[in-house]
């Protein structure tokens, strides 16, 4: 309607009035530009990704995208057969190490000690017989009845039998003194390692049933039933938190006057109500203004990414809505004028 009025005015005033039309139109267009104390952006929610704990096939999907879930609710299930087998093997290793440690702590059985005593007695008897044989041959050697080689062999056999006695005596003493403390410590550490590995497999088995860590909204399920996500790949992405926040790009001229904790008004496109918020983060490094925030002289302007935390009155809006924020001071609790 304004344009039609201007055209009628120009046609009535003649050719020289066209210049006035251009001036008035430029003034009207300049009034439509974004306010210099505002920043454009989008509405966002805090996002958390639930990574795949193992490269296993998805065997069940219990939720759908856009569904609200509570903390602990099952989202997906992965194939757990291999992990269950690994857990069983780890538990068997724990049982083996427990038995080994108990055996070391109890010490040798009485039967083992008696067998060692019998072995010592047999070694002593053999050593006595070897010594007597060596003495007899030594006496015969002085009369040249046998060769020196036979005497040397008899002496070596006597020395060997004496060494056997020492070995049997040491073995008996080892059994009588019991297990060394160092062996018990090694067995304890081996048992601790086996238990840790079993616990790790148990935790992994629990993670194969993917649960919501907190209440929120299921935003994306990147993989489908039957897919095998790589380790660390996002099985589900959730939007969480009591309220969303505004992610805006602050033009460089406004940056010196805005600090973390400053108030701001946030206006969502298509919503009459404005929302109060406070700046919770400002990036220290500037970046180029995104394409949707370029207006007029802002084309080559640097901007600073910032986040404005909103209240629960904005909790019903979804992520991605365009908005703009005004960083004018306001009093908390004041009426919206």
C-alpha atoms as a PDB file:
ATOM      1  CA  UNK A   1       0.000   0.000   0.000  1.00  0.00           C
ATOM      2  CA  UNK A   2       2.872   2.351   0.820  1.00  0.00           C
ATOM      3  CA  UNK A   3       4.443   1.662  -2.587  1.00  0.00           C
ATOM      4  CA  UNK A   4       1.183   2.443  -4.396  1.00  0.00           C
ATOM      5  CA  UNK A   5       0.876   5.717  -2.510  1.00  0.00           C
ATOM      6  CA  UNK A   6       4.426   6.673  -3.507  1.00  0.00           C
ATOM      7  CA  UNK A   7       3.829   5.792  -7.156  1.00  0.00           C
ATOM      8  CA  UNK A   8       0.668   7.925  -7.183  1.00  0.00           C
ATOM      9  CA  UNK A   9       2.630  10.744  -5.595  1.00  0.00           C
ATOM     10  CA  UNK A  10       5.384  10.530  -8.223  1.00  0.00           C
ATOM     11  CA  UNK A  11       2.948  10.404 -11.137  1.00  0.00           C
ATOM     12  CA  UNK A  12       1.152  13.458  -9.838  1.00  0.00           C
ATOM     13  CA  UNK A  13       4.293  15.483  -9.109  1.00  0.00           C
ATOM     14  CA  UNK A  14       6.075  14.770 -12.363  1.00  0.00           C
ATOM     15  CA  UNK A  15       9.555  13.695 -13.388  1.00  0.00           C
ATOM     16  CA  UNK A  16      11.416  15.731 -10.793  1.00  0.00           C
ATOM     17  CA  UNK A  17       9.535  13.991  -7.987  1.00  0.00           C
ATOM     18  CA  UNK A  18      11.122  10.626  -8.876  1.00  0.00           C
ATOM     19  CA  UNK A  19      14.222  11.642  -6.986  1.00  0.00           C
ATOM     20  CA  UNK A  20      12.094  12.200  -3.886  1.00  0.00           C
ATOM     21  CA  UNK A  21      10.560   8.740  -4.388  1.00  0.00           C
ATOM     22  CA  UNK A  22      13.980   7.096  -4.374  1.00  0.00           C
ATOM     23  CA  UNK A  23      15.030   8.941  -1.248  1.00  0.00           C
ATOM     24  CA  UNK A  24      11.860   7.992   0.631  1.00  0.00           C
ATOM     25  CA  UNK A  25      12.085   4.351  -0.506  1.00  0.00           C
ATOM     26  CA  UNK A  26      15.694   4.079   0.631  1.00  0.00           C
ATOM     27  CA  UNK A  27      14.690   5.450   3.983  1.00  0.00           C
ATOM     28  CA  UNK A  28      11.945   2.855   4.325  1.00  0.00           C
ATOM     29  CA  UNK A  29      14.276   0.008   3.327  1.00  0.00           C
ATOM     30  CA  UNK A  30      16.937   1.147   5.744  1.00  0.00           C
ATOM     31  CA  UNK A  31      14.371   0.960   8.497  1.00  0.00           C
ATOM     32  CA  UNK A  32      13.849  -2.751   7.725  1.00  0.00           C
ATOM     33  CA  UNK A  33      17.455  -3.687   8.460  1.00  0.00           C
ATOM     34  CA  UNK A  34      18.414  -5.639  11.556  1.00  0.00           C
ATOM     35  CA  UNK A  35      18.874  -3.519  14.635  1.00  0.00           C
ATOM     36  CA  UNK A  36      22.511  -2.690  15.303  1.00  0.00           C
ATOM     37  CA  UNK A  37      22.325  -4.025  18.877  1.00  0.00           C
ATOM     38  CA  UNK A  38      21.125  -7.510  17.903  1.00  0.00           C
ATOM     39  CA  UNK A  39      22.642 -10.816  16.820  1.00  0.00           C
ATOM     40  CA  UNK A  40      21.130 -13.531  14.637  1.00  0.00           C
ATOM     41  CA  UNK A  41      21.199 -17.225  15.414  1.00  0.00           C
ATOM     42  CA  UNK A  42      19.204 -20.389  16.007  1.00  0.00           C
ATOM     43  CA  UNK A  43      17.541 -22.159  18.900  1.00  0.00           C
ATOM     44  CA  UNK A  44      19.519 -25.164  20.169  1.00  0.00           C
ATOM     45  CA  UNK A  45      19.347 -27.850  22.831  1.00  0.00           C
ATOM     46  CA  UNK A  46      22.206 -29.569  24.616  1.00  0.00           C
ATOM     47  CA  UNK A  47      23.065 -32.694  22.657  1.00  0.00           C
ATOM     48  CA  UNK A  48      24.614 -35.907  23.910  1.00  0.00           C
ATOM     49  CA  UNK A  49      25.750 -38.799  21.718  1.00  0.00           C
ATOM     50  CA  UNK A  50      25.645 -42.428  22.836  1.00  0.00           C
ATOM     51  CA  UNK A  51      28.636 -44.160  21.181  1.00  0.00           C
ATOM     52  CA  UNK A  52      28.774 -47.824  20.236  1.00  0.00           C
ATOM     53  CA  UNK A  53      30.797 -49.715  22.887  1.00  0.00           C
ATOM     54  CA  UNK A  54      31.630 -52.540  20.463  1.00  0.00           C
ATOM     55  CA  UNK A  55      31.273 -53.351  16.790  1.00  0.00           C
ATOM     56  CA  UNK A  56      28.180 -55.502  17.219  1.00  0.00           C
ATOM     57  CA  UNK A  57      24.982 -55.809  15.172  1.00  0.00           C
ATOM     58  CA  UNK A  58      21.877 -53.916  16.282  1.00  0.00           C
ATOM     59  CA  UNK A  59      19.291 -56.570  17.156  1.00  0.00           C
ATOM     60  CA  UNK A  60      16.529 -54.322  18.560  1.00  0.00           C
ATOM     61  CA  UNK A  61      15.482 -50.650  18.485  1.00  0.00           C
ATOM     62  CA  UNK A  62      13.074 -49.824  21.293  1.00  0.00           C
ATOM     63  CA  UNK A  63      12.380 -46.130  20.524  1.00  0.00           C
ATOM     64  CA  UNK A  64      11.770 -43.855  17.541  1.00  0.00           C
ATOM     65  CA  UNK A  65      13.130 -40.462  16.588  1.00  0.00           C
ATOM     66  CA  UNK A  66      11.330 -37.593  18.295  1.00  0.00           C
ATOM     67  CA  UNK A  67      10.244 -39.744  21.259  1.00  0.00           C
ATOM     68  CA  UNK A  68      10.697 -38.456  24.798  1.00  0.00           C
ATOM     69  CA  UNK A  69      12.418 -40.951  27.080  1.00  0.00           C
ATOM     70  CA  UNK A  70      13.193 -41.141  30.781  1.00  0.00           C
ATOM     71  CA  UNK A  71      16.542 -41.800  32.413  1.00  0.00           C
ATOM     72  CA  UNK A  72      17.479 -45.478  32.200  1.00  0.00           C
ATOM     73  CA  UNK A  73      15.000 -46.326  29.455  1.00  0.00           C
ATOM     74  CA  UNK A  74      16.299 -48.870  26.916  1.00  0.00           C
ATOM     75  CA  UNK A  75      16.951 -47.352  23.493  1.00  0.00           C
ATOM     76  CA  UNK A  76      18.739 -50.093  21.540  1.00  0.00           C
ATOM     77  CA  UNK A  77      20.111 -53.597  22.026  1.00  0.00           C
ATOM     78  CA  UNK A  78      23.287 -54.962  20.448  1.00  0.00           C
ATOM     79  CA  UNK A  79      24.226 -58.590  19.839  1.00  0.00           C
ATOM     80  CA  UNK A  80      25.846 -59.799  23.082  1.00  0.00           C
ATOM     81  CA  UNK A  81      26.764 -63.415  22.300  1.00  0.00           C
ATOM     82  CA  UNK A  82      30.486 -62.833  21.810  1.00  0.00           C
ATOM     83  CA  UNK A  83      30.739 -60.637  24.893  1.00  0.00           C
ATOM     84  CA  UNK A  84      28.955 -63.246  27.007  1.00  0.00           C
ATOM     85  CA  UNK A  85      31.467 -65.881  25.874  1.00  0.00           C
ATOM     86  CA  UNK A  86      34.380 -63.585  26.712  1.00  0.00           C
ATOM     87  CA  UNK A  87      32.856 -62.910  30.117  1.00  0.00           C
ATOM     88  CA  UNK A  88      32.540 -66.653  30.798  1.00  0.00           C
ATOM     89  CA  UNK A  89      36.211 -67.165  29.889  1.00  0.00           C
ATOM     90  CA  UNK A  90      37.254 -64.303  32.153  1.00  0.00           C
ATOM     91  CA  UNK A  91      35.227 -65.696  35.049  1.00  0.00           C
ATOM     92  CA  UNK A  92      36.857 -69.120  34.577  1.00  0.00           C
ATOM     93  CA  UNK A  93      40.291 -67.485  34.732  1.00  0.00           C
ATOM     94  CA  UNK A  94      39.251 -65.800  37.983  1.00  0.00           C
ATOM     95  CA  UNK A  95      38.256 -69.186  39.468  1.00  0.00           C
ATOM     96  CA  UNK A  96      41.592 -70.709  38.427  1.00  0.00           C
ATOM     97  CA  UNK A  97      43.610 -67.929  40.014  1.00  0.00           C
ATOM     98  CA  UNK A  98      41.529 -68.095  43.189  1.00  0.00           C
ATOM     99  CA  UNK A  99      42.292 -71.819  43.518  1.00  0.00           C
ATOM    100  CA  UNK A 100      45.997 -71.216  42.863  1.00  0.00           C
ATOM    101  CA  UNK A 101      46.177 -68.501  45.499  1.00  0.00           C
ATOM    102  CA  UNK A 102      44.388 -70.690  48.046  1.00  0.00           C
ATOM    103  CA  UNK A 103      46.840 -73.520  47.341  1.00  0.00           C
ATOM    104  CA  UNK A 104      49.816 -71.230  47.942  1.00  0.00           C
ATOM    105  CA  UNK A 105      48.348 -69.813  51.121  1.00  0.00           C
ATOM    106  CA  UNK A 106      47.571 -73.260  52.589  1.00  0.00           C
ATOM    107  CA  UNK A 107      51.062 -74.538  51.829  1.00  0.00           C
ATOM    108  CA  UNK A 108      52.280 -78.079  51.007  1.00  0.00           C
ATOM    109  CA  UNK A 109      50.317 -81.125  52.117  1.00  0.00           C
ATOM    110  CA  UNK A 110      51.708 -83.444  54.809  1.00  0.00           C
ATOM    111  CA  UNK A 111      52.044 -86.183  52.210  1.00  0.00           C
ATOM    112  CA  UNK A 112      54.413 -84.016  50.152  1.00  0.00           C
ATOM    113  CA  UNK A 113      56.589 -83.403  53.195  1.00  0.00           C
ATOM    114  CA  UNK A 114      56.704 -87.139  53.972  1.00  0.00           C
ATOM    115  CA  UNK A 115      57.674 -87.888  50.388  1.00  0.00           C
ATOM    116  CA  UNK A 116      60.496 -85.344  50.602  1.00  0.00           C
ATOM    117  CA  UNK A 117      61.720 -86.913  53.855  1.00  0.00           C
ATOM    118  CA  UNK A 118      61.765 -90.356  52.189  1.00  0.00           C
ATOM    119  CA  UNK A 119      63.682 -88.966  49.237  1.00  0.00           C
ATOM    120  CA  UNK A 120      66.256 -87.480  51.612  1.00  0.00           C
ATOM    121  CA  UNK A 121      66.672 -90.784  53.408  1.00  0.00           C
ATOM    122  CA  UNK A 122      67.200 -92.607  50.095  1.00  0.00           C
ATOM    123  CA  UNK A 123      69.776 -90.029  49.030  1.00  0.00           C
ATOM    124  CA  UNK A 124      71.673 -90.414  52.314  1.00  0.00           C
ATOM    125  CA  UNK A 125      71.738 -94.193  51.874  1.00  0.00           C
ATOM    126  CA  UNK A 126      73.029 -93.873  48.323  1.00  0.00           C
ATOM    127  CA  UNK A 127      75.686 -91.424  49.412  1.00  0.00           C
ATOM    128  CA  UNK A 128      76.840 -93.779  52.199  1.00  0.00           C
ATOM    129  CA  UNK A 129      77.104 -96.726  49.806  1.00  0.00           C
ATOM    130  CA  UNK A 130      79.027 -94.638  47.241  1.00  0.00           C
ATOM    131  CA  UNK A 131      81.519 -93.462  49.866  1.00  0.00           C
ATOM    132  CA  UNK A 132      82.173 -96.989  51.122  1.00  0.00           C
ATOM    133  CA  UNK A 133      82.686 -98.257  47.577  1.00  0.00           C
ATOM    134  CA  UNK A 134      85.137 -95.431  46.894  1.00  0.00           C
ATOM    135  CA  UNK A 135      87.158 -96.284  50.030  1.00  0.00           C
ATOM    136  CA  UNK A 136      87.382 -99.976  49.037  1.00  0.00           C
ATOM    137  CA  UNK A 137      88.573 -99.168  45.551  1.00  0.00           C
ATOM    138  CA  UNK A 138      91.057 -96.637  46.897  1.00  0.00           C
ATOM    139  CA  UNK A 139      92.602 -99.327  49.118  1.00  0.00           C
ATOM    140  CA  UNK A 140      92.865-101.722  46.192  1.00  0.00           C
ATOM    141  CA  UNK A 141      94.447 -99.050  44.082  1.00  0.00           C
ATOM    142  CA  UNK A 142      97.369 -98.679  46.443  1.00  0.00           C
ATOM    143  CA  UNK A 143      98.213-102.311  45.692  1.00  0.00           C
ATOM    144  CA  UNK A 144      97.776-101.830  41.952  1.00  0.00           C
ATOM    145  CA  UNK A 145      94.837-104.241  41.799  1.00  0.00           C
ATOM    146  CA  UNK A 146      92.634-101.776  39.837  1.00  0.00           C
ATOM    147  CA  UNK A 147      93.275 -98.858  37.547  1.00  0.00           C
ATOM    148  CA  UNK A 148      93.251 -95.201  38.557  1.00  0.00           C
ATOM    149  CA  UNK A 149      90.305 -94.623  36.229  1.00  0.00           C
ATOM    150  CA  UNK A 150      88.111 -96.942  38.275  1.00  0.00           C
ATOM    151  CA  UNK A 151      89.101 -95.091  41.443  1.00  0.00           C
ATOM    152  CA  UNK A 152      88.233 -91.717  39.841  1.00  0.00           C
ATOM    153  CA  UNK A 153      84.809 -92.971  38.746  1.00  0.00           C
ATOM    154  CA  UNK A 154      84.049 -94.209  42.242  1.00  0.00           C
ATOM    155  CA  UNK A 155      85.059 -90.861  43.709  1.00  0.00           C
ATOM    156  CA  UNK A 156      82.815 -88.998  41.240  1.00  0.00           C
ATOM    157  CA  UNK A 157      79.884 -91.266  42.098  1.00  0.00           C
ATOM    158  CA  UNK A 158      80.395 -90.569  45.814  1.00  0.00           C
ATOM    159  CA  UNK A 159      80.481 -86.806  45.194  1.00  0.00           C
ATOM    160  CA  UNK A 160      77.340 -87.035  43.056  1.00  0.00           C
ATOM    161  CA  UNK A 161      75.531 -88.954  45.781  1.00  0.00           C
ATOM    162  CA  UNK A 162      76.586 -86.306  48.304  1.00  0.00           C
ATOM    163  CA  UNK A 163      75.139 -83.592  46.050  1.00  0.00           C
ATOM    164  CA  UNK A 164      71.916 -85.590  45.811  1.00  0.00           C
ATOM    165  CA  UNK A 165      71.674 -85.546  49.589  1.00  0.00           C
ATOM    166  CA  UNK A 166      72.045 -81.768  49.636  1.00  0.00           C
ATOM    167  CA  UNK A 167      69.348 -81.391  46.990  1.00  0.00           C
ATOM    168  CA  UNK A 168      66.897 -83.644  48.812  1.00  0.00           C
ATOM    169  CA  UNK A 169      67.563 -81.853  52.094  1.00  0.00           C
ATOM    170  CA  UNK A 170      66.926 -78.440  50.467  1.00  0.00           C
ATOM    171  CA  UNK A 171      63.680 -79.685  48.913  1.00  0.00           C
ATOM    172  CA  UNK A 172      62.456 -80.914  52.292  1.00  0.00           C
ATOM    173  CA  UNK A 173      63.405 -77.632  53.933  1.00  0.00           C
ATOM    174  CA  UNK A 174      61.503 -75.696  51.248  1.00  0.00           C
ATOM    175  CA  UNK A 175      58.341 -77.658  51.940  1.00  0.00           C
ATOM    176  CA  UNK A 176      58.706 -77.311  55.688  1.00  0.00           C
ATOM    177  CA  UNK A 177      59.081 -73.523  55.488  1.00  0.00           C
ATOM    178  CA  UNK A 178      55.991 -73.161  53.310  1.00  0.00           C
ATOM    179  CA  UNK A 179      55.237 -70.855  50.338  1.00  0.00           C
ATOM    180  CA  UNK A 180      57.338 -67.747  49.845  1.00  0.00           C
ATOM    181  CA  UNK A 181      55.592 -64.425  50.396  1.00  0.00           C
ATOM    182  CA  UNK A 182      56.658 -63.222  46.935  1.00  0.00           C
ATOM    183  CA  UNK A 183      54.794 -66.118  45.299  1.00  0.00           C
ATOM    184  CA  UNK A 184      51.657 -65.275  47.228  1.00  0.00           C
ATOM    185  CA  UNK A 185      51.906 -61.623  46.136  1.00  0.00           C
ATOM    186  CA  UNK A 186      52.284 -62.681  42.506  1.00  0.00           C
ATOM    187  CA  UNK A 187      49.252 -64.921  42.784  1.00  0.00           C
ATOM    188  CA  UNK A 188      47.249 -62.112  44.372  1.00  0.00           C
ATOM    189  CA  UNK A 189      48.155 -59.730  41.557  1.00  0.00           C
ATOM    190  CA  UNK A 190      47.263 -62.327  38.926  1.00  0.00           C
ATOM    191  CA  UNK A 191      43.888 -62.811  40.605  1.00  0.00           C
ATOM    192  CA  UNK A 192      43.303 -59.050  40.716  1.00  0.00           C
ATOM    193  CA  UNK A 193      44.086 -58.794  37.003  1.00  0.00           C
ATOM    194  CA  UNK A 194      41.701 -61.633  36.174  1.00  0.00           C
ATOM    195  CA  UNK A 195      38.940 -60.028  38.221  1.00  0.00           C
ATOM    196  CA  UNK A 196      39.499 -56.675  36.498  1.00  0.00           C
ATOM    197  CA  UNK A 197      39.236 -58.282  33.073  1.00  0.00           C
ATOM    198  CA  UNK A 198      36.032 -60.048  34.117  1.00  0.00           C
ATOM    199  CA  UNK A 199      34.620 -56.768  35.433  1.00  0.00           C
ATOM    200  CA  UNK A 200      35.485 -55.026  32.169  1.00  0.00           C
ATOM    201  CA  UNK A 201      33.640 -57.698  30.203  1.00  0.00           C
ATOM    202  CA  UNK A 202      30.676 -57.389  32.571  1.00  0.00           C
ATOM    203  CA  UNK A 203      30.518 -53.618  32.068  1.00  0.00           C
ATOM    204  CA  UNK A 204      30.778 -54.060  28.299  1.00  0.00           C
ATOM    205  CA  UNK A 205      27.926 -56.564  28.401  1.00  0.00           C
ATOM    206  CA  UNK A 206      25.746 -54.032  30.222  1.00  0.00           C
ATOM    207  CA  UNK A 207      26.622 -51.321  27.683  1.00  0.00           C
ATOM    208  CA  UNK A 208      25.379 -53.498  24.840  1.00  0.00           C
ATOM    209  CA  UNK A 209      21.914 -52.663  26.145  1.00  0.00           C
ATOM    210  CA  UNK A 210      21.969 -48.941  25.323  1.00  0.00           C
ATOM    211  CA  UNK A 211      20.048 -46.892  27.892  1.00  0.00           C
ATOM    212  CA  UNK A 212      19.238 -43.203  28.123  1.00  0.00           C
ATOM    213  CA  UNK A 213      21.690 -41.597  30.593  1.00  0.00           C
ATOM    214  CA  UNK A 214      19.142 -38.895  31.410  1.00  0.00           C
ATOM    215  CA  UNK A 215      15.678 -37.791  30.452  1.00  0.00           C
ATOM    216  CA  UNK A 216      15.378 -36.107  27.083  1.00  0.00           C
ATOM    217  CA  UNK A 217      14.286 -36.344  23.465  1.00  0.00           C
ATOM    218  CA  UNK A 218      15.610 -38.866  20.944  1.00  0.00           C
ATOM    219  CA  UNK A 219      16.779 -36.589  18.135  1.00  0.00           C
ATOM    220  CA  UNK A 220      18.532 -38.982  15.737  1.00  0.00           C
ATOM    221  CA  UNK A 221      19.037 -42.729  15.311  1.00  0.00           C
ATOM    222  CA  UNK A 222      21.796 -42.865  12.653  1.00  0.00           C
ATOM    223  CA  UNK A 223      21.775 -46.657  12.268  1.00  0.00           C
ATOM    224  CA  UNK A 224      18.975 -49.074  11.423  1.00  0.00           C
ATOM    225  CA  UNK A 225      18.042 -52.525  12.645  1.00  0.00           C
ATOM    226  CA  UNK A 226      20.703 -55.015  11.559  1.00  0.00           C
ATOM    227  CA  UNK A 227      23.435 -52.407  11.072  1.00  0.00           C
ATOM    228  CA  UNK A 228      26.820 -52.884  12.715  1.00  0.00           C
ATOM    229  CA  UNK A 229      28.059 -49.527  13.959  1.00  0.00           C
ATOM    230  CA  UNK A 230      31.826 -49.038  14.335  1.00  0.00           C
ATOM    231  CA  UNK A 231      33.284 -48.658  17.799  1.00  0.00           C
ATOM    232  CA  UNK A 232      32.598 -45.087  18.919  1.00  0.00           C
ATOM    233  CA  UNK A 233      29.983 -44.460  16.242  1.00  0.00           C
ATOM    234  CA  UNK A 234      26.875 -42.618  17.540  1.00  0.00           C
ATOM    235  CA  UNK A 235      24.047 -45.081  18.088  1.00  0.00           C
ATOM    236  CA  UNK A 236      21.678 -42.336  19.240  1.00  0.00           C
ATOM    237  CA  UNK A 237      21.760 -38.568  19.684  1.00  0.00           C
ATOM    238  CA  UNK A 238      19.595 -37.040  22.402  1.00  0.00           C
ATOM    239  CA  UNK A 239      18.472 -33.518  23.230  1.00  0.00           C
ATOM    240  CA  UNK A 240      18.620 -32.994  26.973  1.00  0.00           C
ATOM    241  CA  UNK A 241      18.220 -30.227  29.511  1.00  0.00           C
ATOM    242  CA  UNK A 242      15.409 -28.297  31.144  1.00  0.00           C
ATOM    243  CA  UNK A 243      15.458 -25.485  28.579  1.00  0.00           C
ATOM    244  CA  UNK A 244      17.062 -24.649  25.213  1.00  0.00           C
ATOM    245  CA  UNK A 245      19.644 -21.983  24.495  1.00  0.00           C
ATOM    246  CA  UNK A 246      20.169 -19.482  21.711  1.00  0.00           C
ATOM    247  CA  UNK A 247      23.322 -19.842  19.622  1.00  0.00           C
ATOM    248  CA  UNK A 248      24.010 -16.439  18.124  1.00  0.00           C
ATOM    249  CA  UNK A 249      26.815 -14.641  16.323  1.00  0.00           C
ATOM    250  CA  UNK A 250      27.718 -11.341  17.966  1.00  0.00           C
ATOM    251  CA  UNK A 251      29.016  -8.718  15.509  1.00  0.00           C
ATOM    252  CA  UNK A 252      32.455  -7.394  16.297  1.00  0.00           C
ATOM    253  CA  UNK A 253      31.284  -3.834  17.175  1.00  0.00           C
ATOM    254  CA  UNK A 254      29.010  -5.230  19.917  1.00  0.00           C
ATOM    255  CA  UNK A 255      31.570  -7.618  21.378  1.00  0.00           C
ATOM    256  CA  UNK A 256      33.362  -5.181  23.770  1.00  0.00           C
ATOM    257  CA  UNK A 257      30.096  -4.378  25.560  1.00  0.00           C
ATOM    258  CA  UNK A 258      28.902  -7.966  26.103  1.00  0.00           C
ATOM    259  CA  UNK A 259      30.202 -10.242  28.831  1.00  0.00           C
ATOM    260  CA  UNK A 260      29.267 -13.657  30.189  1.00  0.00           C
ATOM    261  CA  UNK A 261      26.304 -13.227  32.533  1.00  0.00           C
ATOM    262  CA  UNK A 262      24.823 -10.230  30.707  1.00  0.00           C
ATOM    263  CA  UNK A 263      21.057 -10.252  30.112  1.00  0.00           C
ATOM    264  CA  UNK A 264      19.478 -10.457  26.680  1.00  0.00           C
ATOM    265  CA  UNK A 265      16.076 -10.649  25.047  1.00  0.00           C
ATOM    266  CA  UNK A 266      15.584 -13.443  22.530  1.00  0.00           C
ATOM    267  CA  UNK A 267      12.974 -13.209  19.770  1.00  0.00           C
ATOM    268  CA  UNK A 268      12.024 -16.418  17.954  1.00  0.00           C
ATOM    269  CA  UNK A 269      10.867 -16.027  14.390  1.00  0.00           C
ATOM    270  CA  UNK A 270       7.076 -16.360  14.189  1.00  0.00           C
ATOM    271  CA  UNK A 271       6.539 -16.126  17.961  1.00  0.00           C
ATOM    272  CA  UNK A 272       5.145 -12.936  19.470  1.00  0.00           C
ATOM    273  CA  UNK A 273       6.484 -13.596  22.950  1.00  0.00           C
ATOM    274  CA  UNK A 274      10.033 -12.603  23.740  1.00  0.00           C
ATOM    275  CA  UNK A 275      12.192 -14.670  26.078  1.00  0.00           C
ATOM    276  CA  UNK A 276      14.641 -13.550  28.722  1.00  0.00           C
ATOM    277  CA  UNK A 277      18.069 -15.135  28.861  1.00  0.00           C
ATOM    278  CA  UNK A 278      21.634 -14.643  29.975  1.00  0.00           C
ATOM    279  CA  UNK A 279      24.877 -15.051  28.091  1.00  0.00           C
ATOM    280  CA  UNK A 280      26.551 -18.254  29.278  1.00  0.00           C
ATOM    281  CA  UNK A 281      29.445 -18.444  26.803  1.00  0.00           C
ATOM    282  CA  UNK A 282      31.314 -16.264  24.305  1.00  0.00           C
ATOM    283  CA  UNK A 283      34.085 -17.613  22.124  1.00  0.00           C
ATOM    284  CA  UNK A 284      37.341 -15.737  22.465  1.00  0.00           C
ATOM    285  CA  UNK A 285      38.336 -16.364  18.852  1.00  0.00           C
ATOM    286  CA  UNK A 286      36.296 -14.571  16.146  1.00  0.00           C
ATOM    287  CA  UNK A 287      34.894 -16.227  13.051  1.00  0.00           C
ATOM    288  CA  UNK A 288      33.289 -14.975   9.868  1.00  0.00           C
ATOM    289  CA  UNK A 289      29.599 -14.238  10.104  1.00  0.00           C
ATOM    290  CA  UNK A 290      27.466 -17.110   8.703  1.00  0.00           C
ATOM    291  CA  UNK A 291      25.497 -16.480   5.526  1.00  0.00           C
ATOM    292  CA  UNK A 292      22.119 -16.137   7.265  1.00  0.00           C
ATOM    293  CA  UNK A 293      23.438 -13.299   9.460  1.00  0.00           C
ATOM    294  CA  UNK A 294      24.897 -11.208   6.628  1.00  0.00           C
ATOM    295  CA  UNK A 295      23.073  -7.907   6.245  1.00  0.00           C
ATOM    296  CA  UNK A 296      24.342  -4.786   4.560  1.00  0.00           C
ATOM    297  CA  UNK A 297      27.720  -3.741   5.863  1.00  0.00           C
ATOM    298  CA  UNK A 298      28.057  -7.007   7.843  1.00  0.00           C
ATOM    299  CA  UNK A 299      29.174  -8.960   4.767  1.00  0.00           C
ATOM    300  CA  UNK A 300      32.868  -8.856   5.654  1.00  0.00           C
ATOM    301  CA  UNK A 301      32.440  -8.482   9.399  1.00  0.00           C
ATOM    302  CA  UNK A 302      33.879 -10.852  11.966  1.00  0.00           C
ATOM    303  CA  UNK A 303      31.608 -12.196  14.686  1.00  0.00           C
ATOM    304  CA  UNK A 304      31.870 -14.106  17.949  1.00  0.00           C
ATOM    305  CA  UNK A 305      29.882 -17.243  18.626  1.00  0.00           C
ATOM    306  CA  UNK A 306      27.883 -16.957  21.862  1.00  0.00           C
ATOM    307  CA  UNK A 307      25.288 -18.952  23.734  1.00  0.00           C
ATOM    308  CA  UNK A 308      22.346 -17.462  25.646  1.00  0.00           C
ATOM    309  CA  UNK A 309      20.665 -19.710  28.179  1.00  0.00           C
ATOM    310  CA  UNK A 310      16.874 -19.418  28.131  1.00  0.00           C
ATOM    311  CA  UNK A 311      14.310 -20.304  30.766  1.00  0.00           C
ATOM    312  CA  UNK A 312      11.737 -23.062  30.952  1.00  0.00           C
ATOM    313  CA  UNK A 313       9.198 -20.842  29.174  1.00  0.00           C
ATOM    314  CA  UNK A 314      11.008 -21.728  25.934  1.00  0.00           C
ATOM    315  CA  UNK A 315      11.082 -25.471  26.575  1.00  0.00           C
ATOM    316  CA  UNK A 316       8.287 -26.242  24.096  1.00  0.00           C
ATOM    317  CA  UNK A 317      10.225 -25.055  21.038  1.00  0.00           C
ATOM    318  CA  UNK A 318      12.279 -27.390  18.887  1.00  0.00           C
ATOM    319  CA  UNK A 319      15.885 -26.971  17.833  1.00  0.00           C
ATOM    320  CA  UNK A 320      16.819 -25.098  14.678  1.00  0.00           C
ATOM    321  CA  UNK A 321      14.294 -22.265  14.849  1.00  0.00           C
ATOM    322  CA  UNK A 322      15.744 -18.945  13.623  1.00  0.00           C
ATOM    323  CA  UNK A 323      15.913 -16.112  16.154  1.00  0.00           C
ATOM    324  CA  UNK A 324      17.635 -12.873  17.009  1.00  0.00           C
ATOM    325  CA  UNK A 325      18.830 -11.540  20.350  1.00  0.00           C
ATOM    326  CA  UNK A 326      18.954  -7.984  21.650  1.00  0.00           C
ATOM    327  CA  UNK A 327      21.612  -7.193  24.250  1.00  0.00           C
ATOM    328  CA  UNK A 328      19.835  -4.251  25.882  1.00  0.00           C
ATOM    329  CA  UNK A 329      19.818  -4.117  29.671  1.00  0.00           C
ATOM    330  CA  UNK A 330      16.592  -5.100  31.366  1.00  0.00           C
ATOM    331  CA  UNK A 331      15.391  -5.643  34.910  1.00  0.00           C
ATOM    332  CA  UNK A 332      14.495  -9.199  35.874  1.00  0.00           C
ATOM    333  CA  UNK A 333      10.787  -9.542  36.525  1.00  0.00           C
ATOM    334  CA  UNK A 334       9.875  -6.367  34.664  1.00  0.00           C
ATOM    335  CA  UNK A 335       6.778  -6.400  32.483  1.00  0.00           C
ATOM    336  CA  UNK A 336       7.245  -7.064  28.774  1.00  0.00           C
ATOM    337  CA  UNK A 337       6.408  -3.815  27.029  1.00  0.00           C
END
